[in-house]
Amino acid sequence: MAEQKLGSIIDALGTRADLDEGDLPTDAFVILKIVKADGTVSLVHRRSESLDWITALGMITAAQNIENSGYTEASTDDT
């Protein structure tokens, strides 16, 4: 098994993010479902070099909550 950069793989899977002008992504935690040549399925995870374990745990927990219940951005109006 050889390590590969994930950028083109993630792109090929159609993964996109809604970013505004000036947004600066700083970290990533990626979970991949892999189907091996023999048909077995496994999960692999990788994270950006700068991502510390506690932030990774927070990102995973937040992602699980969002997937389980959805996410609605809070209104910024003071009314």
Protein backbone atom coordinates (compact mmCIF):
# COMPACT_ATOMS: atom_id res chain seq x y z
CA MET A 1 0.00 0.00 0.00
CA ALA A 2 1.41 3.39 -1.00
CA GLU A 3 0.42 6.72 0.52
CA GLN A 4 -1.28 9.10 -1.87
CA LYS A 5 -2.24 12.75 -1.63
CA LEU A 6 -6.00 13.05 -1.26
CA GLY A 7 -6.71 16.31 -3.12
CA SER A 8 -7.46 14.81 -6.52
CA ILE A 9 -9.24 11.82 -4.97
CA ILE A 10 -11.56 14.08 -2.93
CA ASP A 11 -12.13 16.25 -6.02
CA ALA A 12 -13.01 13.19 -8.13
CA LEU A 13 -15.62 12.16 -5.54
CA GLY A 14 -17.39 15.50 -6.10
CA THR A 15 -16.73 16.91 -2.65
CA ARG A 16 -17.25 20.65 -2.44
CA ALA A 17 -17.41 23.25 0.34
CA ASP A 18 -19.37 26.49 0.40
CA LEU A 19 -16.71 29.11 1.13
CA ASP A 20 -17.04 32.88 1.04
CA GLU A 21 -14.42 35.24 -0.35
CA GLY A 22 -11.69 35.58 2.27
CA ASP A 23 -12.52 32.33 4.11
CA LEU A 24 -9.37 30.47 5.13
CA PRO A 25 -9.64 26.70 5.65
CA THR A 26 -7.11 25.73 8.34
CA ASP A 27 -7.62 22.05 9.09
CA ALA A 28 -9.16 18.93 7.62
CA PHE A 29 -10.21 15.54 8.94
CA VAL A 30 -11.09 13.07 6.17
CA ILE A 31 -12.84 9.71 6.49
CA LEU A 32 -12.67 7.49 3.41
CA LYS A 33 -14.65 4.35 2.68
CA ILE A 34 -12.37 2.02 0.75
CA VAL A 35 -13.48 -0.99 -1.29
CA LYS A 36 -10.49 -3.28 -1.76
CA ALA A 37 -9.84 -5.33 -4.90
CA ASP A 38 -11.12 -8.44 -3.09
CA GLY A 39 -14.41 -6.70 -2.24
CA THR A 40 -13.72 -6.07 1.45
CA VAL A 41 -14.69 -2.67 2.79
CA SER A 42 -12.75 -0.58 5.30
CA LEU A 43 -12.63 2.93 6.68
CA VAL A 44 -9.49 5.05 6.78
CA HIS A 45 -8.99 8.46 8.30
CA ARG A 46 -6.38 11.10 7.74
CA ARG A 47 -5.98 14.64 8.96
CA SER A 48 -4.05 17.72 7.99
CA GLU A 49 -0.59 18.04 9.51
CA SER A 50 -1.52 21.02 11.67
CA LEU A 51 -4.66 19.43 13.17
CA ASP A 52 -4.20 18.62 16.86
CA TRP A 53 -6.10 15.75 18.50
CA ILE A 54 -8.45 17.87 20.58
CA THR A 55 -9.57 19.96 17.59
CA ALA A 56 -9.97 16.75 15.56
CA LEU A 57 -12.19 15.32 18.29
CA GLY A 58 -14.25 18.51 18.33
CA MET A 59 -14.63 18.45 14.54
CA ILE A 60 -15.71 14.79 14.59
CA THR A 61 -18.21 15.43 17.40
CA ALA A 62 -19.65 18.48 15.62
CA ALA A 63 -19.89 16.57 12.33
CA GLN A 64 -21.73 13.72 14.04
CA ASN A 65 -24.21 16.14 15.62
CA ILE A 66 -24.78 17.87 12.28
CA GLU A 67 -25.31 14.55 10.48
CA ASN A 68 -27.68 13.32 13.19
CA SER A 69 -29.83 16.43 13.56
CA GLY A 70 -28.97 18.91 10.84
CA TYR A 71 -27.49 22.33 11.28
CA THR A 72 -29.04 25.74 10.95
CA GLU A 73 -26.85 28.79 11.19
CA ALA A 74 -27.99 31.11 13.96
CA SER A 75 -29.44 34.40 12.84
CA THR A 76 -27.13 37.36 13.21
CA ASP A 77 -30.05 39.81 13.42
CA ASP A 78 -30.53 41.57 16.75
CA THR A 79 -34.29 41.75 16.21
